[in-house]
N, C-alpha and C. Protein backbone atom coordinates (compact mmCIF):
# COMPACT_ATOMS: atom_id res chain seq x y z
N UNK A 1 10.36 27.02 24.12
CA UNK A 1 9.93 25.74 23.61
C UNK A 1 8.56 25.88 22.93
N UNK A 2 7.60 26.53 23.59
CA UNK A 2 6.27 26.69 23.00
C UNK A 2 6.34 27.55 21.75
N UNK A 3 7.26 28.53 21.75
CA UNK A 3 7.43 29.39 20.59
C UNK A 3 7.92 28.57 19.39
N UNK A 4 8.85 27.63 19.63
CA UNK A 4 9.36 26.78 18.56
C UNK A 4 8.26 25.90 17.99
N UNK A 5 7.43 25.34 18.86
CA UNK A 5 6.33 24.49 18.40
C UNK A 5 5.34 25.31 17.58
N UNK A 6 5.04 26.51 18.03
CA UNK A 6 4.12 27.38 17.29
C UNK A 6 4.68 27.70 15.90
N UNK A 7 5.97 27.99 15.81
CA UNK A 7 6.58 28.27 14.51
C UNK A 7 6.53 27.04 13.60
N UNK A 8 6.75 25.86 14.17
CA UNK A 8 6.67 24.63 13.37
C UNK A 8 5.25 24.39 12.88
N UNK A 9 4.26 24.66 13.71
CA UNK A 9 2.87 24.47 13.31
C UNK A 9 2.50 25.43 12.18
N UNK A 10 2.93 26.67 12.29
CA UNK A 10 2.64 27.65 11.24
C UNK A 10 3.33 27.26 9.94
N UNK A 11 4.61 26.84 10.02
CA UNK A 11 5.31 26.45 8.80
C UNK A 11 4.71 25.20 8.17
N UNK A 12 4.19 24.31 9.01
CA UNK A 12 3.54 23.11 8.48
C UNK A 12 2.29 23.48 7.70
N UNK A 13 1.53 24.42 8.21
CA UNK A 13 0.33 24.86 7.51
C UNK A 13 0.67 25.45 6.15
N UNK A 14 1.83 26.08 6.07
CA UNK A 14 2.24 26.71 4.83
C UNK A 14 2.90 25.72 3.87
N UNK A 15 3.77 24.84 4.40
CA UNK A 15 4.62 24.01 3.53
C UNK A 15 4.20 22.55 3.40
N UNK A 16 3.23 22.07 4.17
CA UNK A 16 2.70 20.74 3.92
C UNK A 16 3.18 19.61 4.80
N UNK A 17 2.99 18.38 4.29
CA UNK A 17 3.13 17.17 5.09
C UNK A 17 4.54 16.87 5.56
N UNK A 18 5.57 17.23 4.80
CA UNK A 18 6.94 16.99 5.28
C UNK A 18 7.15 17.70 6.61
N UNK A 19 6.62 18.89 6.71
CA UNK A 19 6.74 19.62 7.97
C UNK A 19 5.82 19.04 9.04
N UNK A 20 4.74 18.37 8.66
CA UNK A 20 3.89 17.70 9.64
C UNK A 20 4.71 16.65 10.39
N UNK A 21 5.51 15.92 9.64
CA UNK A 21 6.38 14.90 10.23
C UNK A 21 7.38 15.54 11.18
N UNK A 22 8.03 16.61 10.73
CA UNK A 22 9.04 17.29 11.56
C UNK A 22 8.41 17.94 12.79
N UNK A 23 7.23 18.51 12.62
CA UNK A 23 6.52 19.09 13.75
C UNK A 23 6.16 18.01 14.76
N UNK A 24 5.71 16.87 14.26
CA UNK A 24 5.40 15.74 15.13
C UNK A 24 6.62 15.25 15.89
N UNK A 25 7.76 15.21 15.20
CA UNK A 25 9.02 14.81 15.85
C UNK A 25 9.36 15.78 16.98
N UNK A 26 9.24 17.07 16.72
CA UNK A 26 9.54 18.08 17.74
C UNK A 26 8.60 17.93 18.93
N UNK A 27 7.34 17.70 18.68
CA UNK A 27 6.37 17.52 19.76
C UNK A 27 6.69 16.27 20.58
N UNK A 28 7.01 15.18 19.90
CA UNK A 28 7.35 13.93 20.58
C UNK A 28 8.50 14.16 21.56
N UNK A 29 9.49 14.92 21.13
CA UNK A 29 10.63 15.20 22.01
C UNK A 29 10.31 16.25 23.07
N UNK A 30 9.63 17.31 22.69
CA UNK A 30 9.31 18.39 23.63
C UNK A 30 8.34 17.94 24.72
N UNK A 31 7.45 17.02 24.40
CA UNK A 31 6.47 16.53 25.38
C UNK A 31 7.03 15.37 26.20
N UNK A 32 8.30 15.04 25.99
CA UNK A 32 9.02 14.02 26.76
C UNK A 32 8.50 12.60 26.55
N UNK A 33 7.89 12.34 25.40
CA UNK A 33 7.39 10.99 25.11
C UNK A 33 8.53 9.98 25.08
N UNK A 34 9.70 10.44 24.61
CA UNK A 34 10.84 9.54 24.49
C UNK A 34 11.35 9.04 25.83
N UNK A 35 11.02 9.73 26.91
CA UNK A 35 11.47 9.27 28.23
C UNK A 35 10.95 7.87 28.54
N UNK A 36 9.76 7.55 28.10
CA UNK A 36 9.17 6.23 28.36
C UNK A 36 9.16 5.34 27.12
N UNK A 37 8.81 5.92 25.97
CA UNK A 37 8.61 5.14 24.76
C UNK A 37 9.89 5.00 23.93
N UNK A 38 10.96 5.64 24.33
CA UNK A 38 12.24 5.53 23.65
C UNK A 38 12.46 6.59 22.59
N UNK A 39 13.73 6.90 22.33
CA UNK A 39 14.05 7.95 21.35
C UNK A 39 13.62 7.58 19.94
N UNK A 40 13.51 6.29 19.67
CA UNK A 40 13.05 5.83 18.36
C UNK A 40 11.63 5.29 18.43
N UNK A 41 10.90 5.65 19.47
CA UNK A 41 9.52 5.21 19.68
C UNK A 41 9.41 3.69 19.65
N UNK A 42 10.49 3.02 20.05
CA UNK A 42 10.56 1.56 19.99
C UNK A 42 9.95 0.87 21.20
N UNK A 43 9.60 1.66 22.21
CA UNK A 43 9.04 1.07 23.43
C UNK A 43 10.14 0.49 24.30
N UNK A 44 9.81 0.30 25.57
CA UNK A 44 10.77 -0.32 26.49
C UNK A 44 10.01 -0.79 27.72
N UNK A 45 10.37 -1.95 28.19
CA UNK A 45 9.70 -2.50 29.37
C UNK A 45 8.20 -2.58 29.16
N UNK A 46 7.45 -1.95 30.05
CA UNK A 46 5.99 -1.99 29.95
C UNK A 46 5.43 -0.87 29.06
N UNK A 47 6.32 -0.05 28.48
CA UNK A 47 5.88 1.05 27.60
C UNK A 47 5.85 0.55 26.15
N UNK A 48 4.71 0.68 25.49
CA UNK A 48 4.56 0.08 24.15
C UNK A 48 5.31 0.83 23.06
N UNK A 49 5.60 0.08 22.01
CA UNK A 49 6.17 0.65 20.79
C UNK A 49 5.11 1.53 20.14
N UNK A 50 5.51 2.70 19.69
CA UNK A 50 4.59 3.61 19.01
C UNK A 50 4.94 3.79 17.54
N UNK A 51 6.19 3.54 17.19
CA UNK A 51 6.64 3.74 15.81
C UNK A 51 5.88 2.83 14.86
N UNK A 52 5.40 3.44 13.77
CA UNK A 52 4.72 2.74 12.68
C UNK A 52 3.41 2.08 13.08
N UNK A 53 2.81 2.55 14.16
CA UNK A 53 1.46 2.10 14.51
C UNK A 53 0.46 2.89 13.66
N UNK A 54 -0.72 2.38 13.52
CA UNK A 54 -1.77 3.04 12.74
C UNK A 54 -2.10 4.41 13.35
N UNK A 55 -2.20 5.40 12.49
CA UNK A 55 -2.54 6.76 12.94
C UNK A 55 -3.90 6.75 13.65
N UNK A 56 -4.87 6.04 13.09
CA UNK A 56 -6.20 5.97 13.70
C UNK A 56 -6.14 5.35 15.10
N UNK A 57 -5.35 4.29 15.25
CA UNK A 57 -5.20 3.65 16.55
C UNK A 57 -4.58 4.63 17.56
N UNK A 58 -3.52 5.33 17.16
CA UNK A 58 -2.84 6.26 18.06
C UNK A 58 -3.78 7.39 18.50
N UNK A 59 -4.54 7.93 17.56
CA UNK A 59 -5.49 9.00 17.89
C UNK A 59 -6.56 8.47 18.83
N UNK A 60 -7.08 7.29 18.54
CA UNK A 60 -8.11 6.69 19.40
C UNK A 60 -7.60 6.55 20.83
N UNK A 61 -6.37 6.03 20.99
CA UNK A 61 -5.82 5.85 22.32
C UNK A 61 -5.62 7.19 23.03
N UNK A 62 -5.08 8.18 22.33
CA UNK A 62 -4.86 9.49 22.95
C UNK A 62 -6.18 10.12 23.39
N UNK A 63 -7.21 9.99 22.58
CA UNK A 63 -8.51 10.55 22.95
C UNK A 63 -9.11 9.82 24.15
N UNK A 64 -8.91 8.51 24.23
CA UNK A 64 -9.36 7.77 25.41
C UNK A 64 -8.63 8.27 26.66
N UNK A 65 -7.33 8.46 26.54
CA UNK A 65 -6.55 8.95 27.68
C UNK A 65 -6.99 10.36 28.08
N UNK A 66 -7.32 11.20 27.11
CA UNK A 66 -7.80 12.55 27.42
C UNK A 66 -9.09 12.50 28.23
N UNK A 67 -9.90 11.48 27.98
CA UNK A 67 -11.18 11.32 28.70
C UNK A 67 -10.99 10.57 30.02
N UNK A 68 -9.77 10.18 30.32
CA UNK A 68 -9.51 9.46 31.57
C UNK A 68 -9.87 7.98 31.50
N UNK A 69 -9.85 7.42 30.30
CA UNK A 69 -10.17 6.00 30.13
C UNK A 69 -8.90 5.22 29.82
N UNK A 70 -8.76 4.06 30.47
CA UNK A 70 -7.61 3.20 30.21
C UNK A 70 -8.03 1.75 30.42
N UNK A 71 -7.23 0.84 29.90
CA UNK A 71 -7.51 -0.58 30.07
C UNK A 71 -6.65 -1.19 31.17
N UNK A 72 -5.74 -0.39 31.75
CA UNK A 72 -4.92 -0.87 32.86
C UNK A 72 -4.48 0.32 33.71
N UNK A 73 -4.11 0.03 34.93
CA UNK A 73 -3.64 1.07 35.83
C UNK A 73 -2.35 1.70 35.31
N UNK A 74 -1.50 0.90 34.67
CA UNK A 74 -0.24 1.40 34.13
C UNK A 74 -0.47 2.49 33.07
N UNK A 75 -1.58 2.40 32.33
CA UNK A 75 -1.86 3.39 31.28
C UNK A 75 -2.28 4.75 31.83
N UNK A 76 -2.67 4.79 33.08
CA UNK A 76 -3.16 6.03 33.66
C UNK A 76 -2.11 7.14 33.67
N UNK A 77 -0.84 6.77 33.60
CA UNK A 77 0.22 7.77 33.54
C UNK A 77 0.07 8.65 32.29
N UNK A 78 -0.62 8.15 31.28
CA UNK A 78 -0.80 8.87 30.03
C UNK A 78 -1.87 9.97 30.09
N UNK A 79 -2.69 9.97 31.09
CA UNK A 79 -3.79 10.95 31.17
C UNK A 79 -3.29 12.39 31.06
N UNK A 80 -2.33 12.76 31.87
CA UNK A 80 -1.80 14.13 31.87
C UNK A 80 -1.12 14.49 30.56
N UNK A 81 -0.36 13.55 30.01
CA UNK A 81 0.33 13.80 28.75
C UNK A 81 -0.67 14.02 27.63
N UNK A 82 -1.68 13.16 27.55
CA UNK A 82 -2.68 13.27 26.48
C UNK A 82 -3.50 14.55 26.62
N UNK A 83 -3.82 14.91 27.84
CA UNK A 83 -4.62 16.13 28.06
C UNK A 83 -3.86 17.39 27.69
N UNK A 84 -2.54 17.31 27.64
CA UNK A 84 -1.75 18.49 27.29
C UNK A 84 -1.71 18.73 25.77
N UNK A 85 -2.24 17.79 24.99
CA UNK A 85 -2.23 17.91 23.52
C UNK A 85 -3.55 18.46 22.99
N UNK A 86 -3.46 19.42 22.08
CA UNK A 86 -4.67 19.85 21.39
C UNK A 86 -4.82 19.00 20.12
N UNK A 87 -5.90 19.19 19.40
CA UNK A 87 -6.19 18.37 18.22
C UNK A 87 -5.07 18.47 17.16
N UNK A 88 -4.58 19.67 16.93
CA UNK A 88 -3.54 19.88 15.93
C UNK A 88 -2.25 19.17 16.33
N UNK A 89 -1.86 19.32 17.58
CA UNK A 89 -0.65 18.65 18.06
C UNK A 89 -0.80 17.13 17.98
N UNK A 90 -1.98 16.64 18.32
CA UNK A 90 -2.23 15.21 18.24
C UNK A 90 -2.09 14.72 16.80
N UNK A 91 -2.58 15.50 15.85
CA UNK A 91 -2.48 15.13 14.44
C UNK A 91 -1.02 15.07 14.01
N UNK A 92 -0.22 16.07 14.36
CA UNK A 92 1.19 16.10 13.99
C UNK A 92 1.96 14.94 14.62
N UNK A 93 1.73 14.71 15.90
CA UNK A 93 2.48 13.65 16.58
C UNK A 93 2.13 12.28 16.02
N UNK A 94 0.86 12.04 15.76
CA UNK A 94 0.47 10.73 15.22
C UNK A 94 0.93 10.57 13.76
N UNK A 95 1.06 11.66 13.03
CA UNK A 95 1.64 11.59 11.68
C UNK A 95 3.09 11.15 11.79
N UNK A 96 3.83 11.75 12.70
CA UNK A 96 5.23 11.39 12.92
C UNK A 96 5.35 9.92 13.31
N UNK A 97 4.56 9.49 14.28
CA UNK A 97 4.69 8.12 14.77
C UNK A 97 4.24 7.09 13.74
N UNK A 98 3.16 7.36 13.03
CA UNK A 98 2.67 6.37 12.07
C UNK A 98 3.56 6.26 10.83
N UNK A 99 4.27 7.32 10.50
CA UNK A 99 5.18 7.32 9.35
C UNK A 99 6.64 7.26 9.77
N UNK A 100 6.90 6.83 11.00
CA UNK A 100 8.23 6.90 11.58
C UNK A 100 9.32 6.27 10.69
N UNK A 101 10.41 7.01 10.54
CA UNK A 101 11.58 6.54 9.80
C UNK A 101 12.79 6.67 10.72
N UNK A 102 13.39 5.54 11.05
CA UNK A 102 14.55 5.56 11.93
C UNK A 102 15.73 6.20 11.20
N UNK A 103 16.42 7.10 11.91
CA UNK A 103 17.58 7.75 11.33
C UNK A 103 18.75 6.77 11.29
N UNK A 104 19.60 6.97 10.34
CA UNK A 104 20.77 6.12 10.18
C UNK A 104 21.68 6.22 11.40
N UNK A 105 22.23 5.10 11.81
CA UNK A 105 23.14 5.07 12.95
C UNK A 105 24.43 5.83 12.66
N UNK A 106 24.79 5.98 11.39
CA UNK A 106 26.04 6.68 11.06
C UNK A 106 25.78 8.11 10.58
N UNK A 107 24.70 8.71 11.06
CA UNK A 107 24.33 10.03 10.58
C UNK A 107 25.36 11.11 10.89
N UNK A 108 26.19 10.89 11.91
CA UNK A 108 27.18 11.91 12.28
C UNK A 108 28.51 11.74 11.56
N UNK A 109 28.83 10.53 11.12
CA UNK A 109 30.05 10.25 10.37
C UNK A 109 31.28 10.84 11.07
N UNK A 110 31.43 10.50 12.32
CA UNK A 110 32.54 11.02 13.12
C UNK A 110 33.82 10.28 12.81
N UNK A 111 34.93 11.02 12.85
CA UNK A 111 36.24 10.41 12.71
C UNK A 111 36.82 10.07 14.07
N UNK A 112 36.08 10.39 15.12
CA UNK A 112 36.52 10.09 16.48
C UNK A 112 35.29 9.85 17.33
N UNK A 113 35.49 9.20 18.44
CA UNK A 113 34.37 8.99 19.35
C UNK A 113 34.50 9.93 20.54
N UNK A 114 33.60 9.81 21.48
CA UNK A 114 33.57 10.69 22.64
C UNK A 114 34.84 10.62 23.49
N UNK A 115 35.54 9.48 23.42
CA UNK A 115 36.75 9.28 24.22
C UNK A 115 38.02 9.69 23.46
N UNK A 116 37.91 10.09 22.22
CA UNK A 116 39.09 10.50 21.46
C UNK A 116 39.06 9.95 20.06
N UNK A 117 40.20 9.86 19.44
CA UNK A 117 40.30 9.41 18.05
C UNK A 117 39.93 7.95 17.88
N UNK A 118 39.34 7.66 16.74
CA UNK A 118 39.04 6.27 16.37
C UNK A 118 40.27 5.74 15.65
N UNK A 119 40.68 4.54 16.00
CA UNK A 119 41.86 3.94 15.36
C UNK A 119 41.54 3.40 14.00
């Protein structure tokens, strides 16, 4: 997993911002952010929506969490996650979240579903 992230970071440095988005997506999934914030960063329950939030706001919040600062006890769960990110990873992830584009629901174009053929 770390090897894949490293390769994505190196390719991003070479190929530019499109890869920044893809690297951010990989980090979001590899760091298990989707477990609380949702696969589409849409938020759920007490976990806030992250998709299409301001990059500056997201970075500010992550840096506060890295320093152990929060505005509620519920936010303290973020301390460990934020501390696991370095500056480069934080940049990629916030690029992904601030420019988030939801994938099409019909991206697989299946002729059948998990239970068998579609009528």
